[in-house]
Amino acid sequence: INIHSTETWKFIFLIFAVLLVLYIVRKAKKAGQSKIELS
């Protein structure tokens, strides 16, 4: 857990990406959309 560690940054990116994907999938399911677009 150190700002100078590249492994820490990769860990943060992975966690952030997983949370974003889960959030997007949840919103899409709630909106009834099977395809996720930029709009």
PDB file of all heavy atoms in Angstrom:
ATOM      1  N   ILE A   1       0.879  -1.184   0.000  1.00  0.00           N
ATOM      2  CA  ILE A   1       0.000   0.000   0.000  1.00  0.00           C
ATOM      3  C   ILE A   1       0.909   1.225   0.000  1.00  0.00           C
ATOM      4  O   ILE A   1       1.197   1.832   1.033  1.00  0.00           O
ATOM      5  CB  ILE A   1      -0.931  -0.023   1.236  1.00  0.00           C
ATOM      6  CG1 ILE A   1      -1.727  -1.332   1.270  1.00  0.00           C
ATOM      7  CG2 ILE A   1      -1.886   1.163   1.190  1.00  0.00           C
ATOM      8  CD1 ILE A   1      -2.568  -1.511   2.510  1.00  0.00           C
ATOM      9  N   ASN A   2       1.369   1.554  -1.197  1.00  0.00           N
ATOM     10  CA  ASN A   2       2.387   2.590  -1.345  1.00  0.00           C
ATOM     11  C   ASN A   2       2.231   3.236  -2.707  1.00  0.00           C
ATOM     12  O   ASN A   2       2.131   2.543  -3.728  1.00  0.00           O
ATOM     13  CB  ASN A   2       3.785   1.975  -1.195  1.00  0.00           C
ATOM     14  CG  ASN A   2       4.873   3.014  -1.066  1.00  0.00           C
ATOM     15  OD1 ASN A   2       4.965   3.942  -1.858  1.00  0.00           O
ATOM     16  ND2 ASN A   2       5.713   2.858  -0.046  1.00  0.00           N
ATOM     17  N   ILE A   3       2.214   4.556  -2.751  1.00  0.00           N
ATOM     18  CA  ILE A   3       1.994   5.279  -4.001  1.00  0.00           C
ATOM     19  C   ILE A   3       3.111   5.015  -5.007  1.00  0.00           C
ATOM     20  O   ILE A   3       2.930   5.172  -6.226  1.00  0.00           O
ATOM     21  CB  ILE A   3       1.874   6.799  -3.716  1.00  0.00           C
ATOM     22  CG1 ILE A   3       1.347   7.532  -4.951  1.00  0.00           C
ATOM     23  CG2 ILE A   3       3.224   7.373  -3.275  1.00  0.00           C
ATOM     24  CD1 ILE A   3       1.049   8.984  -4.694  1.00  0.00           C
ATOM     25  N   HIS A   4       4.281   4.591  -4.545  1.00  0.00           N
ATOM     26  CA  HIS A   4       5.405   4.329  -5.447  1.00  0.00           C
ATOM     27  C   HIS A   4       5.394   2.913  -6.020  1.00  0.00           C
ATOM     28  O   HIS A   4       6.241   2.582  -6.853  1.00  0.00           O
ATOM     29  CB  HIS A   4       6.726   4.545  -4.701  1.00  0.00           C
ATOM     30  CG  HIS A   4       6.940   5.960  -4.258  1.00  0.00           C
ATOM     31  ND1 HIS A   4       7.179   6.986  -5.133  1.00  0.00           N
ATOM     32  CD2 HIS A   4       6.932   6.512  -3.018  1.00  0.00           C
ATOM     33  CE1 HIS A   4       7.327   8.110  -4.459  1.00  0.00           C
ATOM     34  NE2 HIS A   4       7.173   7.851  -3.173  1.00  0.00           N
ATOM     35  N   SER A   5       4.449   2.095  -5.596  1.00  0.00           N
ATOM     36  CA  SER A   5       4.377   0.719  -6.060  1.00  0.00           C
ATOM     37  C   SER A   5       3.463   0.608  -7.275  1.00  0.00           C
ATOM     38  O   SER A   5       2.277   0.948  -7.208  1.00  0.00           O
ATOM     39  CB  SER A   5       3.861  -0.187  -4.941  1.00  0.00           C
ATOM     40  OG  SER A   5       3.579  -1.476  -5.433  1.00  0.00           O
ATOM     41  N   THR A   6       3.992   0.113  -8.389  1.00  0.00           N
ATOM     42  CA  THR A   6       3.155  -0.086  -9.576  1.00  0.00           C
ATOM     43  C   THR A   6       2.091  -1.150  -9.308  1.00  0.00           C
ATOM     44  O   THR A   6       0.995  -1.085  -9.882  1.00  0.00           O
ATOM     45  CB  THR A   6       4.014  -0.512 -10.774  1.00  0.00           C
ATOM     46  OG1 THR A   6       4.754  -1.689 -10.437  1.00  0.00           O
ATOM     47  CG2 THR A   6       4.987   0.590 -11.171  1.00  0.00           C
ATOM     48  N   GLU A   7       2.400  -2.113  -8.438  1.00  0.00           N
ATOM     49  CA  GLU A   7       1.423  -3.144  -8.105  1.00  0.00           C
ATOM     50  C   GLU A   7       0.214  -2.536  -7.386  1.00  0.00           C
ATOM     51  O   GLU A   7      -0.911  -2.984  -7.576  1.00  0.00           O
ATOM     52  CB  GLU A   7       2.069  -4.220  -7.226  1.00  0.00           C
ATOM     53  CG  GLU A   7       3.189  -4.989  -7.909  1.00  0.00           C
ATOM     54  CD  GLU A   7       2.713  -5.679  -9.168  1.00  0.00           C
ATOM     55  OE1 GLU A   7       1.602  -6.257  -9.143  1.00  0.00           O
ATOM     56  OE2 GLU A   7       3.446  -5.655 -10.176  1.00  0.00           O
ATOM     57  N   THR A   8       0.459  -1.519  -6.564  1.00  0.00           N
ATOM     58  CA  THR A   8      -0.645  -0.848  -5.877  1.00  0.00           C
ATOM     59  C   THR A   8      -1.565  -0.175  -6.886  1.00  0.00           C
ATOM     60  O   THR A   8      -2.795  -0.261  -6.785  1.00  0.00           O
ATOM     61  CB  THR A   8      -0.098   0.193  -4.892  1.00  0.00           C
ATOM     62  OG1 THR A   8       0.670  -0.475  -3.886  1.00  0.00           O
ATOM     63  CG2 THR A   8      -1.230   0.957  -4.229  1.00  0.00           C
ATOM     64  N   TRP A   9      -0.963   0.516  -7.849  1.00  0.00           N
ATOM     65  CA  TRP A   9      -1.769   1.181  -8.875  1.00  0.00           C
ATOM     66  C   TRP A   9      -2.571   0.168  -9.685  1.00  0.00           C
ATOM     67  O   TRP A   9      -3.752   0.398  -9.981  1.00  0.00           O
ATOM     68  CB  TRP A   9      -0.876   2.004  -9.793  1.00  0.00           C
ATOM     69  CG  TRP A   9      -0.404   3.274  -9.152  1.00  0.00           C
ATOM     70  CD1 TRP A   9       0.634   3.421  -8.290  1.00  0.00           C
ATOM     71  CD2 TRP A   9      -0.985   4.573  -9.306  1.00  0.00           C
ATOM     72  NE1 TRP A   9       0.752   4.727  -7.888  1.00  0.00           N
ATOM     73  CE2 TRP A   9      -0.223   5.462  -8.507  1.00  0.00           C
ATOM     74  CE3 TRP A   9      -2.055   5.078 -10.035  1.00  0.00           C
ATOM     75  CZ2 TRP A   9      -0.513   6.817  -8.424  1.00  0.00           C
ATOM     76  CZ3 TRP A   9      -2.347   6.433  -9.964  1.00  0.00           C
ATOM     77  CH2 TRP A   9      -1.578   7.291  -9.157  1.00  0.00           C
ATOM     78  N   LYS A  10      -1.983  -0.956 -10.042  1.00  0.00           N
ATOM     79  CA  LYS A  10      -2.708  -1.984 -10.790  1.00  0.00           C
ATOM     80  C   LYS A  10      -3.841  -2.551  -9.944  1.00  0.00           C
ATOM     81  O   LYS A  10      -4.931  -2.849 -10.460  1.00  0.00           O
ATOM     82  CB  LYS A  10      -1.746  -3.098 -11.201  1.00  0.00           C
ATOM     83  CG  LYS A  10      -0.707  -2.653 -12.225  1.00  0.00           C
ATOM     84  CD  LYS A  10       0.300  -3.754 -12.496  1.00  0.00           C
ATOM     85  CE  LYS A  10       1.387  -3.274 -13.464  1.00  0.00           C
ATOM     86  NZ  LYS A  10       2.416  -4.330 -13.684  1.00  0.00           N
ATOM     87  N   PHE A  11      -3.600  -2.688  -8.640  1.00  0.00           N
ATOM     88  CA  PHE A  11      -4.626  -3.174  -7.729  1.00  0.00           C
ATOM     89  C   PHE A  11      -5.805  -2.199  -7.694  1.00  0.00           C
ATOM     90  O   PHE A  11      -6.975  -2.607  -7.760  1.00  0.00           O
ATOM     91  CB  PHE A  11      -4.007  -3.344  -6.339  1.00  0.00           C
ATOM     92  CG  PHE A  11      -4.956  -3.857  -5.295  1.00  0.00           C
ATOM     93  CD1 PHE A  11      -5.435  -5.153  -5.355  1.00  0.00           C
ATOM     94  CD2 PHE A  11      -5.358  -3.047  -4.243  1.00  0.00           C
ATOM     95  CE1 PHE A  11      -6.301  -5.637  -4.380  1.00  0.00           C
ATOM     96  CE2 PHE A  11      -6.223  -3.518  -3.272  1.00  0.00           C
ATOM     97  CZ  PHE A  11      -6.694  -4.824  -3.343  1.00  0.00           C
ATOM     98  N   ILE A  12      -5.491  -0.904  -7.613  1.00  0.00           N
ATOM     99  CA  ILE A  12      -6.553   0.121  -7.591  1.00  0.00           C
ATOM    100  C   ILE A  12      -7.341   0.098  -8.896  1.00  0.00           C
ATOM    101  O   ILE A  12      -8.579   0.161  -8.899  1.00  0.00           O
ATOM    102  CB  ILE A  12      -5.939   1.517  -7.350  1.00  0.00           C
ATOM    103  CG1 ILE A  12      -5.371   1.606  -5.928  1.00  0.00           C
ATOM    104  CG2 ILE A  12      -6.974   2.606  -7.580  1.00  0.00           C
ATOM    105  CD1 ILE A  12      -4.604   2.883  -5.657  1.00  0.00           C
ATOM    106  N   PHE A  13      -6.633   0.018 -10.033  1.00  0.00           N
ATOM    107  CA  PHE A  13      -7.301  -0.023 -11.329  1.00  0.00           C
ATOM    108  C   PHE A  13      -8.250  -1.210 -11.421  1.00  0.00           C
ATOM    109  O   PHE A  13      -9.381  -1.096 -11.916  1.00  0.00           O
ATOM    110  CB  PHE A  13      -6.276  -0.104 -12.463  1.00  0.00           C
ATOM    111  CG  PHE A  13      -5.507   1.174 -12.676  1.00  0.00           C
ATOM    112  CD1 PHE A  13      -4.193   1.144 -13.097  1.00  0.00           C
ATOM    113  CD2 PHE A  13      -6.102   2.408 -12.461  1.00  0.00           C
ATOM    114  CE1 PHE A  13      -3.484   2.307 -13.294  1.00  0.00           C
ATOM    115  CE2 PHE A  13      -5.395   3.588 -12.645  1.00  0.00           C
ATOM    116  CZ  PHE A  13      -4.083   3.540 -13.066  1.00  0.00           C
ATOM    117  N   LEU A  14      -7.795  -2.362 -10.946  1.00  0.00           N
ATOM    118  CA  LEU A  14      -8.619  -3.562 -11.024  1.00  0.00           C
ATOM    119  C   LEU A  14      -9.873  -3.420 -10.174  1.00  0.00           C
ATOM    120  O   LEU A  14     -10.987  -3.730 -10.638  1.00  0.00           O
ATOM    121  CB  LEU A  14      -7.803  -4.776 -10.573  1.00  0.00           C
ATOM    122  CG  LEU A  14      -8.543  -6.109 -10.571  1.00  0.00           C
ATOM    123  CD1 LEU A  14      -8.987  -6.471 -11.991  1.00  0.00           C
ATOM    124  CD2 LEU A  14      -7.671  -7.222 -10.001  1.00  0.00           C
ATOM    125  N   ILE A  15      -9.702  -2.957  -8.933  1.00  0.00           N
ATOM    126  CA  ILE A  15     -10.862  -2.787  -8.051  1.00  0.00           C
ATOM    127  C   ILE A  15     -11.836  -1.767  -8.629  1.00  0.00           C
ATOM    128  O   ILE A  15     -13.060  -1.979  -8.652  1.00  0.00           O
ATOM    129  CB  ILE A  15     -10.404  -2.354  -6.642  1.00  0.00           C
ATOM    130  CG1 ILE A  15      -9.482  -3.409  -6.027  1.00  0.00           C
ATOM    131  CG2 ILE A  15     -11.605  -2.097  -5.748  1.00  0.00           C
ATOM    132  CD1 ILE A  15     -10.080  -4.784  -5.958  1.00  0.00           C
ATOM    133  N   PHE A  16     -11.301  -0.651  -9.109  1.00  0.00           N
ATOM    134  CA  PHE A  16     -12.130   0.405  -9.692  1.00  0.00           C
ATOM    135  C   PHE A  16     -12.901  -0.130 -10.890  1.00  0.00           C
ATOM    136  O   PHE A  16     -14.103   0.126 -11.059  1.00  0.00           O
ATOM    137  CB  PHE A  16     -11.238   1.580 -10.118  1.00  0.00           C
ATOM    138  CG  PHE A  16     -11.868   2.913  -9.858  1.00  0.00           C
ATOM    139  CD1 PHE A  16     -11.345   3.771  -8.902  1.00  0.00           C
ATOM    140  CD2 PHE A  16     -12.981   3.323 -10.578  1.00  0.00           C
ATOM    141  CE1 PHE A  16     -11.922   5.006  -8.654  1.00  0.00           C
ATOM    142  CE2 PHE A  16     -13.552   4.564 -10.348  1.00  0.00           C
ATOM    143  CZ  PHE A  16     -13.027   5.408  -9.381  1.00  0.00           C
ATOM    144  N   ALA A  17     -12.200  -0.898 -11.746  1.00  0.00           N
ATOM    145  CA  ALA A  17     -12.840  -1.429 -12.946  1.00  0.00           C
ATOM    146  C   ALA A  17     -13.952  -2.413 -12.590  1.00  0.00           C
ATOM    147  O   ALA A  17     -15.036  -2.390 -13.199  1.00  0.00           O
ATOM    148  CB  ALA A  17     -11.788  -2.110 -13.826  1.00  0.00           C
ATOM    149  N   VAL A  18     -13.714  -3.267 -11.587  1.00  0.00           N
ATOM    150  CA  VAL A  18     -14.731  -4.235 -11.173  1.00  0.00           C
ATOM    151  C   VAL A  18     -15.962  -3.533 -10.633  1.00  0.00           C
ATOM    152  O   VAL A  18     -17.109  -3.875 -10.975  1.00  0.00           O
ATOM    153  CB  VAL A  18     -14.147  -5.196 -10.108  1.00  0.00           C
ATOM    154  CG1 VAL A  18     -15.253  -6.029  -9.462  1.00  0.00           C
ATOM    155  CG2 VAL A  18     -13.105  -6.104 -10.734  1.00  0.00           C
ATOM    156  N   LEU A  19     -15.737  -2.503  -9.795  1.00  0.00           N
ATOM    157  CA  LEU A  19     -16.871  -1.753  -9.233  1.00  0.00           C
ATOM    158  C   LEU A  19     -17.662  -1.044 -10.325  1.00  0.00           C
ATOM    159  O   LEU A  19     -18.907  -1.024 -10.298  1.00  0.00           O
ATOM    160  CB  LEU A  19     -16.369  -0.748  -8.197  1.00  0.00           C
ATOM    161  CG  LEU A  19     -15.801  -1.346  -6.900  1.00  0.00           C
ATOM    162  CD1 LEU A  19     -15.228  -0.250  -6.009  1.00  0.00           C
ATOM    163  CD2 LEU A  19     -16.872  -2.135  -6.152  1.00  0.00           C
ATOM    164  N   LEU A  20     -16.968  -0.467 -11.295  1.00  0.00           N
ATOM    165  CA  LEU A  20     -17.660   0.222 -12.393  1.00  0.00           C
ATOM    166  C   LEU A  20     -18.498  -0.751 -13.215  1.00  0.00           C
ATOM    167  O   LEU A  20     -19.645  -0.460 -13.576  1.00  0.00           O
ATOM    168  CB  LEU A  20     -16.637   0.923 -13.297  1.00  0.00           C
ATOM    169  CG  LEU A  20     -16.165   2.315 -12.870  1.00  0.00           C
ATOM    170  CD1 LEU A  20     -15.093   2.829 -13.817  1.00  0.00           C
ATOM    171  CD2 LEU A  20     -17.334   3.304 -12.805  1.00  0.00           C
ATOM    172  N   VAL A  21     -17.910  -1.900 -13.525  1.00  0.00           N
ATOM    173  CA  VAL A  21     -18.642  -2.896 -14.324  1.00  0.00           C
ATOM    174  C   VAL A  21     -19.879  -3.371 -13.577  1.00  0.00           C
ATOM    175  O   VAL A  21     -20.978  -3.469 -14.164  1.00  0.00           O
ATOM    176  CB  VAL A  21     -17.714  -4.087 -14.656  1.00  0.00           C
ATOM    177  CG1 VAL A  21     -18.525  -5.240 -15.242  1.00  0.00           C
ATOM    178  CG2 VAL A  21     -16.640  -3.664 -15.635  1.00  0.00           C
ATOM    179  N   LEU A  22     -19.729  -3.652 -12.278  1.00  0.00           N
ATOM    180  CA  LEU A  22     -20.890  -4.080 -11.493  1.00  0.00           C
ATOM    181  C   LEU A  22     -21.968  -3.008 -11.450  1.00  0.00           C
ATOM    182  O   LEU A  22     -23.166  -3.309 -11.565  1.00  0.00           O
ATOM    183  CB  LEU A  22     -20.441  -4.436 -10.063  1.00  0.00           C
ATOM    184  CG  LEU A  22     -19.605  -5.710  -9.903  1.00  0.00           C
ATOM    185  CD1 LEU A  22     -19.137  -5.855  -8.456  1.00  0.00           C
ATOM    186  CD2 LEU A  22     -20.427  -6.941 -10.310  1.00  0.00           C
ATOM    187  N   TYR A  23     -21.545  -1.754 -11.316  1.00  0.00           N
ATOM    188  CA  TYR A  23     -22.505  -0.654 -11.249  1.00  0.00           C
ATOM    189  C   TYR A  23     -23.228  -0.491 -12.582  1.00  0.00           C
ATOM    190  O   TYR A  23     -24.459  -0.299 -12.635  1.00  0.00           O
ATOM    191  CB  TYR A  23     -21.759   0.627 -10.881  1.00  0.00           C
ATOM    192  CG  TYR A  23     -22.670   1.803 -10.575  1.00  0.00           C
ATOM    193  CD1 TYR A  23     -23.420   1.842  -9.397  1.00  0.00           C
ATOM    194  CD2 TYR A  23     -22.776   2.875 -11.459  1.00  0.00           C
ATOM    195  CE1 TYR A  23     -24.258   2.906  -9.110  1.00  0.00           C
ATOM    196  CE2 TYR A  23     -23.605   3.947 -11.190  1.00  0.00           C
ATOM    197  CZ  TYR A  23     -24.352   3.966 -10.017  1.00  0.00           C
ATOM    198  OH  TYR A  23     -25.176   5.026  -9.742  1.00  0.00           O
ATOM    199  N   ILE A  24     -22.470  -0.581 -13.688  1.00  0.00           N
ATOM    200  CA  ILE A  24     -23.073  -0.434 -15.013  1.00  0.00           C
ATOM    201  C   ILE A  24     -24.053  -1.567 -15.296  1.00  0.00           C
ATOM    202  O   ILE A  24     -25.164  -1.348 -15.800  1.00  0.00           O
ATOM    203  CB  ILE A  24     -21.962  -0.398 -16.098  1.00  0.00           C
ATOM    204  CG1 ILE A  24     -21.172   0.907 -15.987  1.00  0.00           C
ATOM    205  CG2 ILE A  24     -22.553  -0.527 -17.493  1.00  0.00           C
ATOM    206  CD1 ILE A  24     -19.946   0.941 -16.869  1.00  0.00           C
ATOM    207  N   VAL A  25     -23.643  -2.804 -14.966  1.00  0.00           N
ATOM    208  CA  VAL A  25     -24.526  -3.953 -15.190  1.00  0.00           C
ATOM    209  C   VAL A  25     -25.806  -3.816 -14.371  1.00  0.00           C
ATOM    210  O   VAL A  25     -26.907  -4.103 -14.864  1.00  0.00           O
ATOM    211  CB  VAL A  25     -23.784  -5.264 -14.821  1.00  0.00           C
ATOM    212  CG1 VAL A  25     -24.761  -6.436 -14.803  1.00  0.00           C
ATOM    213  CG2 VAL A  25     -22.664  -5.525 -15.816  1.00  0.00           C
ATOM    214  N   ARG A  26     -25.672  -3.359 -13.156  1.00  0.00           N
ATOM    215  CA  ARG A  26     -26.856  -3.192 -12.290  1.00  0.00           C
ATOM    216  C   ARG A  26     -27.797  -2.149 -12.859  1.00  0.00           C
ATOM    217  O   ARG A  26     -29.019  -2.359 -12.910  1.00  0.00           O
ATOM    218  CB  ARG A  26     -26.401  -2.795 -10.886  1.00  0.00           C
ATOM    219  CG  ARG A  26     -27.533  -2.525  -9.918  1.00  0.00           C
ATOM    220  CD  ARG A  26     -27.005  -2.296  -8.511  1.00  0.00           C
ATOM    221  NE  ARG A  26     -28.052  -1.810  -7.640  1.00  0.00           N
ATOM    222  CZ  ARG A  26     -28.397  -0.537  -7.506  1.00  0.00           C
ATOM    223  NH1 ARG A  26     -27.728   0.394  -8.182  1.00  0.00           N
ATOM    224  NH2 ARG A  26     -29.376  -0.180  -6.689  1.00  0.00           N
ATOM    225  N   LYS A  27     -27.249  -1.012 -13.299  1.00  0.00           N
ATOM    226  CA  LYS A  27     -28.091   0.049 -13.880  1.00  0.00           C
ATOM    227  C   LYS A  27     -28.749  -0.416 -15.179  1.00  0.00           C
ATOM    228  O   LYS A  27     -29.922  -0.117 -15.441  1.00  0.00           O
ATOM    229  CB  LYS A  27     -27.250   1.297 -14.137  1.00  0.00           C
ATOM    230  CG  LYS A  27     -26.835   2.049 -12.872  1.00  0.00           C
ATOM    231  CD  LYS A  27     -28.042   2.636 -12.147  1.00  0.00           C
ATOM    232  CE  LYS A  27     -27.615   3.459 -10.938  1.00  0.00           C
ATOM    233  NZ  LYS A  27     -28.793   4.000 -10.205  1.00  0.00           N
ATOM    234  N   ALA A  28     -27.989  -1.153 -15.990  1.00  0.00           N
ATOM    235  CA  ALA A  28     -28.545  -1.636 -17.257  1.00  0.00           C
ATOM    236  C   ALA A  28     -29.668  -2.636 -17.015  1.00  0.00           C
ATOM    237  O   ALA A  28     -30.695  -2.625 -17.702  1.00  0.00           O
ATOM    238  CB  ALA A  28     -27.423  -2.277 -18.078  1.00  0.00           C
ATOM    239  N   LYS A  29     -29.473  -3.516 -16.031  1.00  0.00           N
ATOM    240  CA  LYS A  29     -30.508  -4.490 -15.709  1.00  0.00           C
ATOM    241  C   LYS A  29     -31.761  -3.802 -15.195  1.00  0.00           C
ATOM    242  O   LYS A  29     -32.889  -4.192 -15.528  1.00  0.00           O
ATOM    243  CB  LYS A  29     -29.954  -5.463 -14.677  1.00  0.00           C
ATOM    244  CG  LYS A  29     -30.897  -6.625 -14.364  1.00  0.00           C
ATOM    245  CD  LYS A  29     -30.249  -7.598 -13.388  1.00  0.00           C
ATOM    246  CE  LYS A  29     -31.194  -8.757 -13.114  1.00  0.00           C
ATOM    247  NZ  LYS A  29     -30.587  -9.736 -12.158  1.00  0.00           N
ATOM    248  N   LYS A  30     -31.551  -2.770 -14.389  1.00  0.00           N
ATOM    249  CA  LYS A  30     -32.686  -2.032 -13.827  1.00  0.00           C
ATOM    250  C   LYS A  30     -33.443  -1.297 -14.925  1.00  0.00           C
ATOM    251  O   LYS A  30     -34.665  -1.166 -14.873  1.00  0.00           O
ATOM    252  CB  LYS A  30     -32.180  -1.045 -12.781  1.00  0.00           C
ATOM    253  CG  LYS A  30     -33.283  -0.351 -11.993  1.00  0.00           C
ATOM    254  CD  LYS A  30     -32.687   0.508 -10.893  1.00  0.00           C
ATOM    255  CE  LYS A  30     -33.783   1.183 -10.082  1.00  0.00           C
ATOM    256  NZ  LYS A  30     -33.228   2.014  -8.990  1.00  0.00           N
ATOM    257  N   ALA A  31     -32.697  -0.806 -15.950  1.00  0.00           N
ATOM    258  CA  ALA A  31     -33.328  -0.072 -17.050  1.00  0.00           C
ATOM    259  C   ALA A  31     -33.839  -1.004 -18.136  1.00  0.00           C
ATOM    260  O   ALA A  31     -34.430  -0.543 -19.122  1.00  0.00           O
ATOM    261  CB  ALA A  31     -32.324   0.912 -17.648  1.00  0.00           C
ATOM    262  N   GLY A  32     -33.597  -2.297 -17.990  1.00  0.00           N
ATOM    263  CA  GLY A  32     -34.077  -3.256 -18.969  1.00  0.00           C
ATOM    264  C   GLY A  32     -33.284  -3.258 -20.260  1.00  0.00           C
ATOM    265  O   GLY A  32     -33.811  -3.679 -21.309  1.00  0.00           O
ATOM    266  N   GLN A  33     -32.055  -2.825 -20.238  1.00  0.00           N
ATOM    267  CA  GLN A  33     -31.230  -2.788 -21.452  1.00  0.00           C
ATOM    268  C   GLN A  33     -30.274  -3.976 -21.459  1.00  0.00           C
ATOM    269  O   GLN A  33     -29.594  -4.254 -20.468  1.00  0.00           O
ATOM    270  CB  GLN A  33     -30.437  -1.490 -21.520  1.00  0.00           C
ATOM    271  CG  GLN A  33     -31.316  -0.250 -21.707  1.00  0.00           C
ATOM    272  CD  GLN A  33     -30.480   0.963 -22.082  1.00  0.00           C
ATOM    273  OE1 GLN A  33     -29.328   0.832 -22.442  1.00  0.00           O
ATOM    274  NE2 GLN A  33     -31.096   2.137 -22.019  1.00  0.00           N
ATOM    275  N   SER A  34     -30.233  -4.664 -22.600  1.00  0.00           N
ATOM    276  CA  SER A  34     -29.330  -5.796 -22.757  1.00  0.00           C
ATOM    277  C   SER A  34     -28.003  -5.379 -23.378  1.00  0.00           C
ATOM    278  O   SER A  34     -27.014  -6.100 -23.294  1.00  0.00           O
ATOM    279  CB  SER A  34     -29.979  -6.880 -23.629  1.00  0.00           C
ATOM    280  OG  SER A  34     -30.317  -6.338 -24.912  1.00  0.00           O
ATOM    281  N   LYS A  35     -27.971  -4.209 -24.014  1.00  0.00           N
ATOM    282  CA  LYS A  35     -26.767  -3.710 -24.671  1.00  0.00           C
ATOM    283  C   LYS A  35     -26.385  -2.363 -24.065  1.00  0.00           C
ATOM    284  O   LYS A  35     -27.222  -1.463 -23.974  1.00  0.00           O
ATOM    285  CB  LYS A  35     -27.006  -3.560 -26.176  1.00  0.00           C
ATOM    286  CG  LYS A  35     -25.754  -3.209 -26.951  1.00  0.00           C
ATOM    287  CD  LYS A  35     -26.051  -3.167 -28.451  1.00  0.00           C
ATOM    288  CE  LYS A  35     -24.792  -2.836 -29.245  1.00  0.00           C
ATOM    289  NZ  LYS A  35     -25.072  -2.775 -30.697  1.00  0.00           N
ATOM    290  N   ILE A  36     -25.127  -2.237 -23.662  1.00  0.00           N
ATOM    291  CA  ILE A  36     -24.676  -1.024 -22.988  1.00  0.00           C
ATOM    292  C   ILE A  36     -23.895  -0.156 -23.966  1.00  0.00           C
ATOM    293  O   ILE A  36     -22.915  -0.599 -24.577  1.00  0.00           O
ATOM    294  CB  ILE A  36     -23.778  -1.369 -21.787  1.00  0.00           C
ATOM    295  CG1 ILE A  36     -24.559  -2.241 -20.803  1.00  0.00           C
ATOM    296  CG2 ILE A  36     -23.262  -0.115 -21.110  1.00  0.00           C
ATOM    297  CD1 ILE A  36     -23.716  -2.788 -19.682  1.00  0.00           C
ATOM    298  N   GLU A  37     -24.386   1.065 -24.179  1.00  0.00           N
ATOM    299  CA  GLU A  37     -23.726   1.997 -25.088  1.00  0.00           C
ATOM    300  C   GLU A  37     -23.244   3.219 -24.319  1.00  0.00           C
ATOM    301  O   GLU A  37     -23.614   3.442 -23.160  1.00  0.00           O
ATOM    302  CB  GLU A  37     -24.701   2.416 -26.201  1.00  0.00           C
ATOM    303  CG  GLU A  37     -25.162   1.242 -27.069  1.00  0.00           C
ATOM    304  CD  GLU A  37     -26.154   1.696 -28.120  1.00  0.00           C
ATOM    305  OE1 GLU A  37     -26.597   2.866 -28.051  1.00  0.00           O
ATOM    306  OE2 GLU A  37     -26.491   0.887 -29.002  1.00  0.00           O
ATOM    307  N   LEU A  38     -22.421   4.051 -24.993  1.00  0.00           N
ATOM    308  CA  LEU A  38     -21.867   5.239 -24.368  1.00  0.00           C
ATOM    309  C   LEU A  38     -22.960   6.196 -23.925  1.00  0.00           C
ATOM    310  O   LEU A  38     -22.865   6.823 -22.863  1.00  0.00           O
ATOM    311  CB  LEU A  38     -20.898   5.936 -25.334  1.00  0.00           C
ATOM    312  CG  LEU A  38     -20.166   7.159 -24.783  1.00  0.00           C
ATOM    313  CD1 LEU A  38     -19.289   6.760 -23.587  1.00  0.00           C
ATOM    314  CD2 LEU A  38     -19.306   7.807 -25.871  1.00  0.00           C
ATOM    315  N   SER A  39     -24.011   6.314 -24.701  1.00  0.00           N
ATOM    316  CA  SER A  39     -25.107   7.225 -24.351  1.00  0.00           C
ATOM    317  C   SER A  39     -25.786   6.800 -23.060  1.00  0.00           C
ATOM    318  O   SER A  39     -26.249   7.638 -22.279  1.00  0.00           O
ATOM    319  CB  SER A  39     -26.141   7.266 -25.483  1.00  0.00           C
ATOM    320  OG  SER A  39     -26.638   5.951 -25.733  1.00  0.00           O
TER     321      SER A  39
END
